[in-house]
Amino acid sequence: MKNPFKRFVCAALACGLLGGAAGATDWGLSYRNGANMPPSGEDTAETLARYGAYYMGGAADKTIYLTFDCGYENGNTAKILDTLKRRHVPAVFFVVGHYLDAAPALAKRMGDEGHLVGSHSVNHPNMTKVSQERFESELRGLETKYAAVTGRRLAPFFRPPEGSYTYDNLRWAQSLGYHTTLWSVAYKDYDVNDQPSYASAMQTLDARVHNGAIVLLHAISSTDAAVLDELITDWKAKGYEFAALSALPGLPNPTVTAVPNAAAFTVDGAPAAPTAFLIGGSNYVKLRDAAQALAGTEKAFSVSYDKASDSVALVSGEVYAPNGAELAGPRDAAAVQAYASPQTITLDGAPLGVDAYSIDGANYVGLRDLARALDCCVTYDRETQAVGLDTSRSYADAQSAPTD
């Protein structure tokens, strides 16, 4: 390993937490509570929660949060992203400044494919030994670098280098809008010259996973890249679901995971290409895509936005004015995070009464909810899995048809 940054990261990971500042916590876990039980950490979940920090999610929730630390790139991240995309599983990648310099295309791919990218600081120092000014520059500096490389904003999650922190660190991160994020499942996967075997990795991780687990893996690990598909299969078979850290309990506006839907769509028998997602097994389509697809039919409607009231008004029978970003087709992503839409949506002046989510700043509405409001029929072809809107038939005509 000739790269000095690589040597530094591996040494920090392997030896980690020696010589911390007074009052510093060197994050560690005890798995003595038993297999598939939440471990005990150096701090309790309740203590961390005072600072908006986490080491696990809800112990009653059969949910897993996959996270990957990215100190440098050695050829495994693309394999990990391929698996996550194929299995439609969201993850969070904690990057450092060096990673953004060395692998900008991969950093951009993470966000493009729906994953969150969090902060591991610019230079990966032991944060217990730095001033508040240096601490803030490490986080703000990475925000600036990430935006320059990807055009996106970092997700508000910070993983302290080496797992070392003080309560001042937790307060400082919180004041900058970050949730310090530790982990409840990990194993020795960070030494590229001493990788665990496939079998031992599966055995260890399978025994340590638990309800609400925040799983720490390293993107440099060839073993992690190899076992990830089977891990996902195994954990799903045990009833676990996967979520991003933005869905953690206790956050003010938690997300839900939206899976891209590549099903064929039609309007009155003609092909349409809305961007659509499955949320909880139901179809949600981009509101403006629906308006564009229905333009020229008897169910056409206009869309206008009022900034003062932060509301969206739909008016039946009016001509829709496209904004140029409609009908782009299925999102090429693993899974994306949807927030409950904060905007009021009205139809002809009355509340529309639909479930709506905000994804990448655009409103998505339940297809059946929209069809009910417009009184048109939703069709579904089991053989082709095509979903359609038939504006010549009422919504009631579809009630005996299979759900979408």
Protein backbone atom coordinates (compact mmCIF):
# COMPACT_ATOMS: atom_id res chain seq x y z
CA MET A 1 0.00 0.00 0.00
CA LYS A 2 2.06 2.93 -1.30
CA ASN A 3 -0.49 5.68 -0.86
CA PRO A 4 0.27 7.47 2.46
CA PHE A 5 -3.38 8.39 2.94
CA LYS A 6 -4.31 4.71 2.68
CA ARG A 7 -1.68 3.81 5.27
CA PHE A 8 -3.04 6.53 7.57
CA VAL A 9 -6.67 5.42 7.26
CA CYS A 10 -5.85 1.76 7.86
CA ALA A 11 -3.70 2.62 10.87
CA ALA A 12 -6.47 4.79 12.29
CA LEU A 13 -9.03 2.08 11.78
CA ALA A 14 -6.89 -0.70 13.13
CA CYS A 15 -5.36 1.07 16.12
CA GLY A 16 -7.93 3.79 16.35
CA LEU A 17 -8.49 5.25 19.55
CA LEU A 18 -5.24 5.50 21.43
CA GLY A 19 -4.32 8.74 23.11
CA GLY A 20 -7.72 10.44 22.91
CA ALA A 21 -8.36 13.75 24.58
CA ALA A 22 -9.60 13.95 28.13
CA GLY A 23 -13.29 13.22 28.25
CA ALA A 24 -13.18 11.51 24.88
CA THR A 25 -15.27 8.45 24.12
CA ASP A 26 -13.75 5.76 21.93
CA TRP A 27 -16.78 4.01 20.51
CA GLY A 28 -16.89 0.31 21.19
CA LEU A 29 -19.52 -2.41 21.49
CA SER A 30 -20.20 -5.44 23.65
CA TYR A 31 -22.13 -8.28 22.02
CA ARG A 32 -22.62 -10.16 25.28
CA ASN A 33 -26.38 -9.55 25.14
CA GLY A 34 -26.66 -12.51 22.77
CA ALA A 35 -27.07 -13.20 19.08
CA ASN A 36 -29.36 -10.81 17.20
CA MET A 37 -29.78 -8.60 20.26
CA PRO A 38 -28.82 -4.92 20.35
CA PRO A 39 -25.29 -4.61 21.76
CA SER A 40 -24.25 -2.32 24.58
CA GLY A 41 -22.18 0.69 23.56
CA GLU A 42 -19.84 3.09 25.32
CA ASP A 43 -22.83 5.43 25.58
CA THR A 44 -26.51 4.61 25.76
CA ALA A 45 -28.96 5.45 23.00
CA GLU A 46 -30.70 7.78 25.46
CA THR A 47 -27.50 9.73 26.16
CA LEU A 48 -26.70 10.08 22.47
CA ALA A 49 -30.26 11.17 21.73
CA ARG A 50 -29.71 14.31 23.82
CA TYR A 51 -27.41 15.46 21.02
CA GLY A 52 -29.46 14.12 18.12
CA ALA A 53 -26.94 11.30 17.77
CA TYR A 54 -27.52 7.60 17.09
CA TYR A 55 -25.84 4.24 17.23
CA MET A 56 -28.97 2.26 16.33
CA GLY A 57 -32.60 2.78 15.39
CA GLY A 58 -35.67 1.49 17.18
CA ALA A 59 -35.24 -1.85 18.98
CA ALA A 60 -38.82 -2.79 18.10
CA ASP A 61 -38.39 -2.09 14.38
CA LYS A 62 -37.23 -4.89 12.10
CA THR A 63 -35.23 -2.38 10.10
CA ILE A 64 -31.59 -2.32 9.02
CA TYR A 65 -29.62 0.79 8.08
CA LEU A 66 -26.67 -0.03 5.81
CA THR A 67 -23.72 2.39 5.99
CA PHE A 68 -20.33 2.32 4.28
CA ASP A 69 -17.22 4.29 5.28
CA CYS A 70 -15.23 5.49 2.27
CA GLY A 71 -11.67 6.50 3.15
CA TYR A 72 -10.25 5.74 -0.28
CA GLU A 73 -11.18 3.81 -3.40
CA ASN A 74 -9.70 0.44 -4.36
CA GLY A 75 -12.18 -0.99 -6.83
CA ASN A 76 -14.94 -2.37 -4.62
CA THR A 77 -17.40 0.52 -4.40
CA ALA A 78 -18.80 0.01 -7.90
CA LYS A 79 -19.50 -3.65 -7.07
CA ILE A 80 -21.29 -2.59 -3.90
CA LEU A 81 -23.37 -0.02 -5.80
CA ASP A 82 -24.23 -2.61 -8.45
CA THR A 83 -25.59 -4.96 -5.79
CA LEU A 84 -27.57 -2.25 -4.01
CA LYS A 85 -29.10 -1.15 -7.30
CA ARG A 86 -30.01 -4.69 -8.35
CA ARG A 87 -31.64 -5.36 -4.97
CA HIS A 88 -33.23 -1.89 -4.60
CA VAL A 89 -31.64 -1.31 -1.19
CA PRO A 90 -30.71 2.19 0.05
CA ALA A 91 -27.46 2.90 1.86
CA VAL A 92 -25.47 5.79 3.30
CA PHE A 93 -21.85 6.40 2.28
CA PHE A 94 -19.62 8.40 4.63
CA VAL A 95 -16.87 10.03 2.57
CA VAL A 96 -13.73 12.03 3.28
CA GLY A 97 -12.22 14.79 1.16
CA HIS A 98 -9.61 12.50 -0.38
CA TYR A 99 -12.35 10.20 -1.67
CA LEU A 100 -14.08 13.06 -3.45
CA ASP A 101 -10.79 14.07 -5.08
CA ALA A 102 -9.86 10.54 -6.13
CA ALA A 103 -13.26 9.08 -7.09
CA PRO A 104 -15.63 11.93 -8.07
CA ALA A 105 -17.60 9.76 -10.52
CA LEU A 106 -18.38 7.20 -7.83
CA ALA A 107 -19.33 9.93 -5.35
CA LYS A 108 -21.72 11.34 -7.94
CA ARG A 109 -23.08 7.88 -8.73
CA MET A 110 -24.00 7.35 -5.06
CA GLY A 111 -26.34 10.33 -5.06
CA ASP A 112 -27.62 9.72 -8.57
CA GLU A 113 -28.68 6.20 -7.59
CA GLY A 114 -30.65 7.42 -4.59
CA HIS A 115 -28.18 6.80 -1.77
CA LEU A 116 -27.34 9.35 0.91
CA VAL A 117 -23.79 10.65 1.23
CA GLY A 118 -22.74 11.74 4.70
CA SER A 119 -19.71 13.41 6.24
CA HIS A 120 -16.62 11.63 7.53
CA SER A 121 -14.80 15.02 7.59
CA VAL A 122 -12.34 16.47 5.08
CA ASN A 123 -9.09 15.13 6.53
CA HIS A 124 -10.21 12.33 8.89
CA PRO A 125 -8.60 13.72 12.08
CA ASN A 126 -9.36 12.45 15.55
CA MET A 127 -11.98 15.07 16.34
CA THR A 128 -11.45 14.85 20.10
CA LYS A 129 -8.11 16.62 19.58
CA VAL A 130 -9.25 19.58 17.48
CA SER A 131 -10.68 22.99 18.30
CA GLN A 132 -14.26 23.95 17.60
CA GLU A 133 -13.06 26.10 14.71
CA ARG A 134 -11.18 23.16 13.15
CA PHE A 135 -14.13 20.84 13.80
CA GLU A 136 -16.49 23.16 11.96
CA SER A 137 -14.06 23.65 9.07
CA GLU A 138 -13.77 19.87 8.64
CA LEU A 139 -17.54 19.54 8.21
CA ARG A 140 -18.21 22.74 6.27
CA GLY A 141 -15.22 22.08 4.06
CA LEU A 142 -16.56 18.68 3.04
CA GLU A 143 -19.97 20.19 2.30
CA THR A 144 -18.34 22.66 -0.10
CA LYS A 145 -16.20 20.01 -1.78
CA TYR A 146 -19.10 17.57 -2.18
CA ALA A 147 -21.34 20.26 -3.71
CA ALA A 148 -18.59 21.23 -6.16
CA VAL A 149 -18.05 17.62 -7.22
CA THR A 150 -21.68 16.44 -7.43
CA GLY A 151 -23.99 19.46 -7.41
CA ARG A 152 -25.76 17.93 -4.41
CA ARG A 153 -25.93 18.64 -0.68
CA LEU A 154 -24.48 16.26 1.87
CA ALA A 155 -27.02 14.40 3.97
CA PRO A 156 -27.03 15.69 7.58
CA PHE A 157 -25.24 12.69 9.08
CA PHE A 158 -21.70 12.77 10.47
CA ARG A 159 -19.58 9.77 11.39
CA PRO A 160 -16.65 10.75 13.62
CA PRO A 161 -13.29 9.48 12.37
CA GLU A 162 -12.04 6.54 14.43
CA GLY A 163 -15.36 6.55 16.28
CA SER A 164 -13.89 9.05 18.74
CA TYR A 165 -15.89 11.95 20.11
CA THR A 166 -16.46 14.24 23.06
CA TYR A 167 -19.79 15.62 24.14
CA ASP A 168 -18.58 18.96 22.84
CA ASN A 169 -18.12 17.27 19.44
CA LEU A 170 -21.69 16.00 19.57
CA ARG A 171 -22.95 19.48 20.44
CA TRP A 172 -20.90 21.12 17.70
CA ALA A 173 -22.15 18.66 15.09
CA GLN A 174 -25.73 19.19 16.23
CA SER A 175 -25.35 22.97 16.00
CA LEU A 176 -24.22 22.54 12.37
CA GLY A 177 -27.34 20.51 11.62
CA TYR A 178 -25.74 17.05 11.76
CA HIS A 179 -26.71 13.85 13.51
CA THR A 180 -23.59 12.10 14.76
CA THR A 181 -23.99 8.51 13.59
CA LEU A 182 -22.11 5.62 15.14
CA TRP A 183 -22.97 1.93 14.60
CA SER A 184 -24.29 -1.17 16.33
CA VAL A 185 -22.99 -3.84 13.92
CA ALA A 186 -19.41 -4.02 12.70
CA TYR A 187 -16.57 -6.48 12.30
CA LYS A 188 -12.93 -6.43 11.22
CA ASP A 189 -13.34 -5.74 7.50
CA TYR A 190 -11.09 -2.66 7.15
CA ASP A 191 -7.66 -4.32 6.68
CA VAL A 192 -7.32 -5.03 2.96
CA ASN A 193 -4.36 -7.30 3.67
CA ASP A 194 -6.25 -9.41 6.19
CA GLN A 195 -9.78 -9.82 4.87
CA PRO A 196 -12.23 -12.15 6.64
CA SER A 197 -13.36 -15.19 4.70
CA TYR A 198 -16.76 -15.22 3.02
CA ALA A 199 -18.08 -17.81 5.48
CA SER A 200 -16.79 -16.06 8.61
CA ALA A 201 -18.16 -12.70 7.43
CA MET A 202 -21.62 -14.19 6.90
CA GLN A 203 -21.54 -15.96 10.26
CA THR A 204 -20.39 -12.90 12.23
CA LEU A 205 -22.68 -10.37 10.58
CA ASP A 206 -25.66 -12.71 10.70
CA ALA A 207 -25.18 -13.22 14.44
CA ARG A 208 -24.73 -9.52 15.17
CA VAL A 209 -27.61 -8.05 13.14
CA HIS A 210 -30.63 -6.98 15.18
CA ASN A 211 -33.74 -4.81 15.08
CA GLY A 212 -32.78 -1.22 14.29
CA ALA A 213 -29.19 -2.12 13.43
CA ILE A 214 -26.92 0.54 11.97
CA VAL A 215 -24.44 -1.63 10.09
CA LEU A 216 -20.93 -0.32 9.48
CA LEU A 217 -19.13 -1.79 6.48
CA HIS A 218 -16.10 -0.49 4.60
CA ALA A 219 -16.18 0.15 0.87
CA ILE A 220 -12.54 -0.98 0.58
CA SER A 221 -13.46 -4.49 1.72
CA SER A 222 -13.44 -7.12 -1.02
CA THR A 223 -15.25 -9.48 1.36
CA ASP A 224 -18.05 -6.99 1.91
CA ALA A 225 -18.46 -6.56 -1.84
CA ALA A 226 -18.63 -10.34 -2.23
CA VAL A 227 -21.08 -11.15 0.57
CA LEU A 228 -23.42 -8.18 0.22
CA ASP A 229 -25.92 -9.83 -2.11
CA GLU A 230 -26.28 -12.91 0.08
CA LEU A 231 -26.46 -10.77 3.22
CA ILE A 232 -29.36 -8.79 1.76
CA THR A 233 -31.11 -11.99 0.69
CA ASP A 234 -30.59 -13.61 4.09
CA TRP A 235 -31.73 -10.59 6.09
CA LYS A 236 -34.79 -10.03 3.93
CA ALA A 237 -35.69 -13.71 4.38
CA LYS A 238 -35.56 -13.13 8.15
CA GLY A 239 -38.11 -10.33 7.81
CA TYR A 240 -35.82 -7.31 7.92
CA GLU A 241 -36.43 -4.24 5.78
CA PHE A 242 -33.78 -1.77 4.70
CA ALA A 243 -34.01 1.98 5.18
CA ALA A 244 -31.76 5.02 4.92
CA LEU A 245 -30.61 6.93 7.99
CA SER A 246 -33.09 9.67 7.05
CA ALA A 247 -35.82 7.26 8.20
CA LEU A 248 -34.43 6.91 11.74
CA PRO A 249 -37.06 7.23 14.48
CA GLY A 250 -37.03 10.55 16.24
CA LEU A 251 -36.09 12.64 13.21
CA PRO A 252 -38.50 15.55 12.66
CA ASN A 253 -39.39 14.55 9.08
CA PRO A 254 -38.37 10.93 8.50
CA THR A 255 -38.37 9.54 4.97
CA VAL A 256 -39.88 6.45 3.43
CA THR A 257 -38.09 4.40 0.81
CA ALA A 258 -39.38 4.69 -2.75
CA VAL A 259 -38.40 2.00 -5.26
CA PRO A 260 -38.26 2.97 -8.96
CA ASN A 261 -41.11 1.43 -10.93
CA ALA A 262 -40.18 0.41 -14.48
CA ALA A 263 -43.67 -0.85 -15.38
CA ALA A 264 -45.16 0.30 -18.66
CA PHE A 265 -47.75 3.07 -18.36
CA THR A 266 -50.52 4.04 -20.76
CA VAL A 267 -53.13 6.79 -21.00
CA ASP A 268 -56.19 5.83 -23.04
CA GLY A 269 -54.14 3.03 -24.56
CA ALA A 270 -51.23 5.23 -25.70
CA PRO A 271 -47.77 4.75 -24.10
CA ALA A 272 -46.72 7.27 -21.46
CA ALA A 273 -43.43 7.54 -19.59
CA PRO A 274 -43.98 9.04 -16.14
CA THR A 275 -41.36 8.81 -13.46
CA ALA A 276 -43.01 6.49 -10.97
CA PHE A 277 -42.09 4.84 -7.68
CA LEU A 278 -43.51 2.09 -5.52
CA ILE A 279 -44.06 3.22 -1.94
CA GLY A 280 -45.52 0.58 0.32
CA GLY A 281 -46.41 -1.44 -2.78
CA SER A 282 -48.52 1.32 -4.38
CA ASN A 283 -47.76 3.44 -7.45
CA TYR A 284 -46.82 7.08 -6.98
CA VAL A 285 -46.33 9.23 -10.08
CA LYS A 286 -44.80 12.64 -10.54
CA LEU A 287 -47.68 15.14 -10.43
CA ARG A 288 -46.46 17.14 -13.40
CA ASP A 289 -45.92 13.92 -15.38
CA ALA A 290 -49.55 13.00 -14.77
CA ALA A 291 -50.67 16.45 -15.90
CA GLN A 292 -48.58 16.23 -19.07
CA ALA A 293 -49.80 12.69 -19.83
CA LEU A 294 -53.45 13.72 -19.42
CA ALA A 295 -53.13 16.91 -21.48
CA GLY A 296 -55.58 16.84 -24.35
CA THR A 297 -57.90 14.37 -22.65
CA GLU A 298 -61.17 15.14 -20.89
CA LYS A 299 -59.35 14.80 -17.55
CA ALA A 300 -56.72 17.46 -18.35
CA PHE A 301 -55.73 19.87 -15.59
CA SER A 302 -53.34 22.77 -15.10
CA VAL A 303 -50.71 23.03 -12.36
CA SER A 304 -49.66 26.27 -10.70
CA TYR A 305 -47.54 27.03 -7.65
CA ASP A 306 -48.16 29.83 -5.17
CA LYS A 307 -44.96 30.70 -3.32
CA ALA A 308 -46.65 32.84 -0.67
CA SER A 309 -48.84 29.98 0.56
CA ASP A 310 -46.46 27.20 -0.54
CA SER A 311 -49.36 25.50 -2.27
CA VAL A 312 -50.02 23.79 -5.59
CA ALA A 313 -53.30 24.43 -7.38
CA LEU A 314 -54.77 22.07 -9.97
CA VAL A 315 -57.63 23.32 -12.15
CA SER A 316 -59.73 20.87 -14.14
CA GLY A 317 -60.13 21.47 -17.87
CA GLU A 318 -57.37 24.06 -18.12
CA VAL A 319 -54.43 23.62 -20.48
CA TYR A 320 -51.31 22.32 -18.78
CA ALA A 321 -48.14 24.39 -19.31
CA PRO A 322 -45.11 22.04 -19.35
CA ASN A 323 -41.94 23.04 -17.52
CA GLY A 324 -39.69 20.85 -19.69
CA ALA A 325 -38.84 18.20 -17.13
CA GLU A 326 -41.81 15.87 -17.55
CA LEU A 327 -42.12 12.26 -18.68
CA ALA A 328 -38.48 11.28 -18.22
CA GLY A 329 -39.38 7.66 -17.57
CA PRO A 330 -38.19 5.34 -14.78
CA ARG A 331 -35.53 6.70 -12.43
CA ASP A 332 -32.27 4.78 -12.85
CA ALA A 333 -31.68 4.27 -9.14
CA ALA A 334 -31.46 1.71 -6.36
CA ALA A 335 -33.99 3.37 -4.06
CA VAL A 336 -34.69 6.99 -3.18
CA GLN A 337 -35.95 8.75 -0.10
CA ALA A 338 -39.39 10.34 -0.13
CA TYR A 339 -40.51 12.99 2.36
CA ALA A 340 -44.11 13.75 3.19
CA SER A 341 -44.89 16.72 0.94
CA PRO A 342 -45.11 19.94 2.96
CA GLN A 343 -47.24 21.63 0.30
CA THR A 344 -51.01 21.91 0.15
CA ILE A 345 -52.41 20.54 -3.11
CA THR A 346 -55.85 21.65 -4.23
CA LEU A 347 -58.13 20.66 -7.13
CA ASP A 348 -60.53 23.35 -8.25
CA GLY A 349 -59.99 25.14 -4.95
CA ALA A 350 -60.68 22.17 -2.67
CA PRO A 351 -58.02 20.05 -0.92
CA LEU A 352 -57.10 17.24 -3.28
CA GLY A 353 -57.12 14.63 -0.53
CA VAL A 354 -54.23 12.54 -1.82
CA ASP A 355 -51.13 11.13 -0.21
CA ALA A 356 -48.24 13.16 -1.60
CA TYR A 357 -44.50 12.80 -1.23
CA SER A 358 -41.62 15.05 -2.19
CA ILE A 359 -38.81 13.32 -4.10
CA ASP A 360 -35.92 15.45 -5.35
CA GLY A 361 -38.10 18.52 -4.83
CA ALA A 362 -41.00 17.32 -6.98
CA ASN A 363 -44.46 16.22 -5.81
CA TYR A 364 -45.48 12.59 -6.30
CA VAL A 365 -49.07 11.50 -5.72
CA GLY A 366 -50.72 8.13 -5.34
CA LEU A 367 -51.95 7.05 -8.77
CA ARG A 368 -55.22 5.64 -7.45
CA ASP A 369 -55.79 8.70 -5.27
CA LEU A 370 -55.35 10.95 -8.29
CA ALA A 371 -57.60 8.78 -10.45
CA ARG A 372 -60.28 8.89 -7.75
CA ALA A 373 -60.07 12.69 -7.56
CA LEU A 374 -60.26 13.02 -11.35
CA ASP A 375 -62.81 10.18 -11.65
CA CYS A 376 -60.99 8.11 -14.22
CA CYS A 377 -60.28 4.40 -14.31
CA VAL A 378 -57.00 2.73 -13.36
CA THR A 379 -56.27 -0.43 -15.35
CA TYR A 380 -53.71 -3.14 -14.77
CA ASP A 381 -52.59 -5.89 -17.15
CA ARG A 382 -51.27 -8.87 -15.19
CA GLU A 383 -49.53 -10.35 -18.21
CA THR A 384 -47.55 -7.25 -19.19
CA GLN A 385 -47.72 -5.55 -15.75
CA ALA A 386 -48.70 -2.37 -17.56
CA VAL A 387 -50.59 0.28 -15.58
CA GLY A 388 -53.03 2.54 -17.38
CA LEU A 389 -55.42 5.44 -16.99
CA ASP A 390 -58.65 5.25 -18.99
CA THR A 391 -60.28 8.67 -19.02
CA SER A 392 -63.43 7.36 -20.72
CA ARG A 393 -64.36 5.26 -17.70
CA SER A 394 -65.09 6.30 -14.12
CA TYR A 395 -62.98 5.40 -11.13
CA ALA A 396 -65.74 3.11 -9.86
CA ASP A 397 -65.32 0.91 -12.95
CA ALA A 398 -61.92 -0.22 -11.65
CA GLN A 399 -62.97 -1.28 -8.17
CA SER A 400 -63.29 -4.95 -9.10
CA ALA A 401 -59.90 -4.92 -10.88
CA PRO A 402 -56.62 -6.11 -9.27
CA THR A 403 -54.72 -3.50 -7.28
CA ASP A 404 -51.67 -1.92 -8.88
